[in-house]
Amino acid sequence: MKKMLRDAFILLVITLIAGLSLGFVYEVTKGPISVQKEKAKTEAYLEVFQDAGSFEADSMFSPDQAQSALEQAGLTGVSIQEVMKALDQNQEQLGYVITVVSHEGYSGDITFSVGIKNDGTVNGISILSISETAGLGMKANTEEFKAQFAGVNTSKFEYTKSGATAENQIDAISGATITTNAITNGVNAALEYFNLTAQGGGQNE
């Protein structure tokens, strides 16, 4: 009986020490992890708005309202995570950086930022998180694919497997139609939000 109590006590002490150690490690690492995440986001913002001097959160952004707007537009597989204003050196607004999460990827969520100028032109996209199939879906994170969206002023993109013939058409990644669809819908979600809320609704002047 004494041996059982002793073993139980030892196990309890080990458990407590392990728990405290994990808690300590978490407290020590959560700061640097947070810093790295913010750094990655800032780099993504600059990738889609190289002319910007700074970025600030859009105070009018509401995740619930954004989701409702997307659902009404039939974009149910995408959510908007964050909306930032891109400002020049004089604090004049250049456009928006809208970070979206597409839940339609082949291997899970794809998170990326979309830069949209004040006139509605897509300035570029920058992928923050993707885990698609190597050699197939991961090609979505190449300049060749992402560049297709840049410099295009349209309300909606579409992808094609037979070669793009219109400015708003995107050449699908061979063997990765699901990934292509996920990215295209994500960009369309950012445009939908921009046109209905940021620009069309006039709420963010």
Protein backbone atom coordinates (compact mmCIF):
# COMPACT_ATOMS: atom_id res chain seq x y z
CA MET A 1 0.00 0.00 0.00
CA LYS A 2 2.81 2.37 0.94
CA LYS A 3 4.57 1.54 -2.32
CA MET A 4 1.43 2.36 -4.29
CA LEU A 5 1.05 5.68 -2.50
CA ARG A 6 4.71 6.48 -3.08
CA ASP A 7 4.49 5.62 -6.76
CA ALA A 8 1.34 7.71 -7.10
CA PHE A 9 3.06 10.63 -5.38
CA ILE A 10 6.10 10.34 -7.64
CA LEU A 11 3.85 10.23 -10.70
CA LEU A 12 2.00 13.32 -9.45
CA VAL A 13 5.26 15.21 -8.96
CA ILE A 14 6.48 14.23 -12.43
CA THR A 15 3.18 15.35 -13.95
CA LEU A 16 3.33 18.68 -12.13
CA ILE A 17 6.92 19.28 -13.21
CA ALA A 18 6.09 18.41 -16.82
CA GLY A 19 3.08 20.71 -16.79
CA LEU A 20 5.08 23.58 -15.31
CA SER A 21 7.87 23.01 -17.85
CA LEU A 22 5.45 23.06 -20.76
CA GLY A 23 3.84 26.22 -19.40
CA PHE A 24 7.24 27.86 -19.07
CA VAL A 25 8.25 26.89 -22.60
CA TYR A 26 4.96 28.26 -23.94
CA GLU A 27 5.43 31.58 -22.15
CA VAL A 28 9.01 31.86 -23.40
CA THR A 29 8.19 31.01 -27.03
CA LYS A 30 4.80 32.67 -27.57
CA GLY A 31 6.40 36.11 -27.82
CA PRO A 32 8.91 35.20 -30.58
CA ILE A 33 6.26 33.17 -32.41
CA SER A 34 3.90 36.14 -32.37
CA VAL A 35 6.67 38.41 -33.64
CA GLN A 36 7.44 36.01 -36.50
CA LYS A 37 3.77 35.82 -37.47
CA GLU A 38 3.49 39.61 -37.56
CA LYS A 39 6.70 39.82 -39.58
CA ALA A 40 5.35 37.30 -42.11
CA LYS A 41 2.13 39.28 -42.46
CA THR A 42 3.99 42.56 -42.94
CA GLU A 43 6.16 40.97 -45.63
CA ALA A 44 2.98 39.72 -47.34
CA TYR A 45 1.46 43.21 -47.21
CA LEU A 46 4.58 44.69 -48.79
CA GLU A 47 4.61 42.02 -51.47
CA VAL A 48 1.15 43.05 -52.66
CA PHE A 49 1.68 46.79 -52.06
CA GLN A 50 5.34 47.64 -52.57
CA ASP A 51 4.57 51.37 -52.79
CA ALA A 52 2.99 51.47 -49.34
CA GLY A 53 4.75 53.24 -46.52
CA SER A 54 2.58 51.75 -43.80
CA PHE A 55 -0.52 49.68 -43.12
CA GLU A 56 -3.32 50.15 -40.63
CA ALA A 57 -6.27 48.00 -39.65
CA ASP A 58 -9.60 48.95 -41.20
CA SER A 59 -11.75 49.85 -38.21
CA MET A 60 -14.92 49.22 -40.22
CA PHE A 61 -14.09 45.56 -40.84
CA SER A 62 -16.52 43.12 -39.25
CA PRO A 63 -15.84 39.38 -39.74
CA ASP A 64 -19.53 38.55 -39.31
CA GLN A 65 -20.69 41.13 -41.83
CA ALA A 66 -18.00 40.07 -44.27
CA GLN A 67 -19.01 36.42 -43.96
CA SER A 68 -22.64 37.29 -44.52
CA ALA A 69 -21.75 39.24 -47.66
CA LEU A 70 -19.69 36.36 -49.02
CA GLU A 71 -22.40 33.82 -48.34
CA GLN A 72 -24.96 35.99 -50.15
CA ALA A 73 -22.59 36.05 -53.12
CA GLY A 74 -22.32 32.24 -53.05
CA LEU A 75 -18.73 32.23 -51.77
CA THR A 76 -19.30 29.84 -48.89
CA GLY A 77 -15.86 28.22 -48.87
CA VAL A 78 -13.94 31.37 -48.00
CA SER A 79 -13.64 33.63 -44.98
CA ILE A 80 -11.99 37.03 -44.59
CA GLN A 81 -9.46 37.11 -41.78
CA GLU A 82 -8.22 40.68 -41.85
CA VAL A 83 -8.56 43.95 -43.75
CA MET A 84 -5.76 46.52 -43.77
CA LYS A 85 -5.50 49.92 -45.43
CA ALA A 86 -2.38 50.45 -47.51
CA LEU A 87 -1.06 54.00 -47.02
CA ASP A 88 1.66 55.90 -48.85
CA GLN A 89 4.39 57.99 -47.23
CA ASN A 90 1.93 60.89 -46.84
CA GLN A 91 -0.69 58.66 -45.20
CA GLU A 92 -2.85 58.79 -48.30
CA GLN A 93 -4.73 55.57 -48.94
CA LEU A 94 -3.55 53.48 -51.88
CA GLY A 95 -6.01 50.63 -51.41
CA TYR A 96 -6.60 47.58 -49.24
CA VAL A 97 -4.82 44.41 -48.27
CA ILE A 98 -7.44 41.75 -47.62
CA THR A 99 -6.33 38.49 -46.03
CA VAL A 100 -8.56 35.55 -46.87
CA VAL A 101 -8.71 31.91 -45.84
CA SER A 102 -9.88 29.51 -48.52
CA HIS A 103 -11.26 26.32 -46.98
CA GLU A 104 -11.39 24.58 -50.36
CA GLY A 105 -7.76 23.53 -50.72
CA TYR A 106 -6.94 19.93 -51.55
CA SER A 107 -4.93 19.45 -48.34
CA GLY A 108 -6.56 22.04 -46.09
CA ASP A 109 -6.93 25.78 -45.65
CA ILE A 110 -4.94 28.21 -47.78
CA THR A 111 -4.33 31.65 -46.29
CA PHE A 112 -3.20 34.54 -48.47
CA SER A 113 -3.34 38.31 -48.81
CA VAL A 114 -4.78 40.17 -51.78
CA GLY A 115 -3.77 43.74 -52.56
CA ILE A 116 -6.50 45.80 -54.23
CA LYS A 117 -5.96 49.38 -55.40
CA ASN A 118 -8.55 52.09 -54.85
CA ASP A 119 -9.82 51.65 -58.41
CA GLY A 120 -10.40 47.91 -57.91
CA THR A 121 -7.27 46.67 -59.69
CA VAL A 122 -5.71 43.62 -58.06
CA ASN A 123 -2.16 44.63 -57.17
CA GLY A 124 -1.02 41.09 -56.36
CA ILE A 125 -1.42 38.14 -54.02
CA SER A 126 0.91 36.74 -51.37
CA ILE A 127 0.42 33.31 -49.81
CA LEU A 128 0.88 33.07 -46.05
CA SER A 129 0.03 29.42 -45.47
CA ILE A 130 -0.36 26.51 -47.89
CA SER A 131 0.17 22.76 -47.62
CA GLU A 132 -0.91 21.44 -51.00
CA THR A 133 0.69 18.54 -52.87
CA ALA A 134 4.34 19.08 -53.78
CA GLY A 135 4.87 19.53 -57.52
CA LEU A 136 1.14 20.10 -58.07
CA GLY A 137 -0.91 22.36 -55.80
CA MET A 138 2.21 23.93 -54.30
CA LYS A 139 2.78 25.56 -57.70
CA ALA A 140 0.14 28.04 -56.57
CA ASN A 141 2.91 29.65 -54.53
CA THR A 142 5.05 30.43 -57.58
CA GLU A 143 5.43 33.84 -59.21
CA GLU A 144 4.30 32.38 -62.52
CA PHE A 145 0.89 31.50 -61.09
CA LYS A 146 0.41 34.46 -58.75
CA ALA A 147 1.40 37.01 -61.41
CA GLN A 148 -1.72 36.13 -63.41
CA PHE A 149 -3.85 38.06 -60.92
CA ALA A 150 -1.67 41.18 -60.75
CA GLY A 151 -2.66 44.30 -62.67
CA VAL A 152 -6.14 43.06 -63.54
CA ASN A 153 -9.24 45.14 -62.91
CA THR A 154 -12.22 42.81 -62.79
CA SER A 155 -15.11 41.98 -60.49
CA LYS A 156 -14.48 38.26 -60.82
CA PHE A 157 -11.76 35.87 -61.97
CA GLU A 158 -12.31 32.47 -63.53
CA TYR A 159 -9.90 29.70 -64.35
CA THR A 160 -9.56 27.70 -67.52
CA LYS A 161 -7.82 24.47 -68.50
CA SER A 162 -7.57 25.37 -72.17
CA GLY A 163 -5.44 28.51 -71.99
CA ALA A 164 -6.47 31.99 -70.85
CA THR A 165 -7.93 34.17 -73.59
CA ALA A 166 -9.39 36.97 -71.44
CA GLU A 167 -7.72 39.25 -68.89
CA ASN A 168 -9.78 37.86 -66.02
CA GLN A 169 -8.98 34.23 -66.87
CA ILE A 170 -6.39 32.25 -64.95
CA ASP A 171 -4.54 29.26 -66.38
CA ALA A 172 -5.30 26.34 -64.09
CA ILE A 173 -2.37 24.50 -62.55
CA SER A 174 -2.02 21.17 -64.36
CA GLY A 175 -3.19 18.36 -62.11
CA ALA A 176 -4.28 20.79 -59.38
CA THR A 177 -7.68 22.12 -60.37
CA ILE A 178 -8.89 22.03 -56.75
CA THR A 179 -6.04 24.27 -55.62
CA THR A 180 -6.58 26.62 -58.56
CA ASN A 181 -10.26 26.86 -57.69
CA ALA A 182 -9.47 27.54 -54.02
CA ILE A 183 -7.12 30.42 -54.84
CA THR A 184 -9.42 31.88 -57.50
CA ASN A 185 -12.42 31.83 -55.16
CA GLY A 186 -10.31 33.42 -52.45
CA VAL A 187 -9.32 36.31 -54.71
CA ASN A 188 -12.95 36.67 -55.81
CA ALA A 189 -13.99 36.83 -52.16
CA ALA A 190 -11.57 39.69 -51.55
CA LEU A 191 -12.94 41.51 -54.60
CA GLU A 192 -16.51 40.89 -53.46
CA TYR A 193 -15.77 42.38 -50.06
CA PHE A 194 -13.97 45.33 -51.64
CA ASN A 195 -16.78 46.09 -54.09
CA LEU A 196 -19.64 45.69 -51.61
CA THR A 197 -18.09 47.12 -48.48
CA ALA A 198 -14.77 48.86 -48.90
CA GLN A 199 -15.62 50.64 -52.12
CA GLY A 200 -19.24 50.07 -53.08
CA GLY A 201 -20.69 50.54 -49.61
CA GLY A 202 -18.75 53.71 -48.94
CA GLN A 203 -18.30 52.76 -45.28
CA ASN A 204 -14.53 53.16 -45.16
CA GLU A 205 -14.03 56.72 -46.41
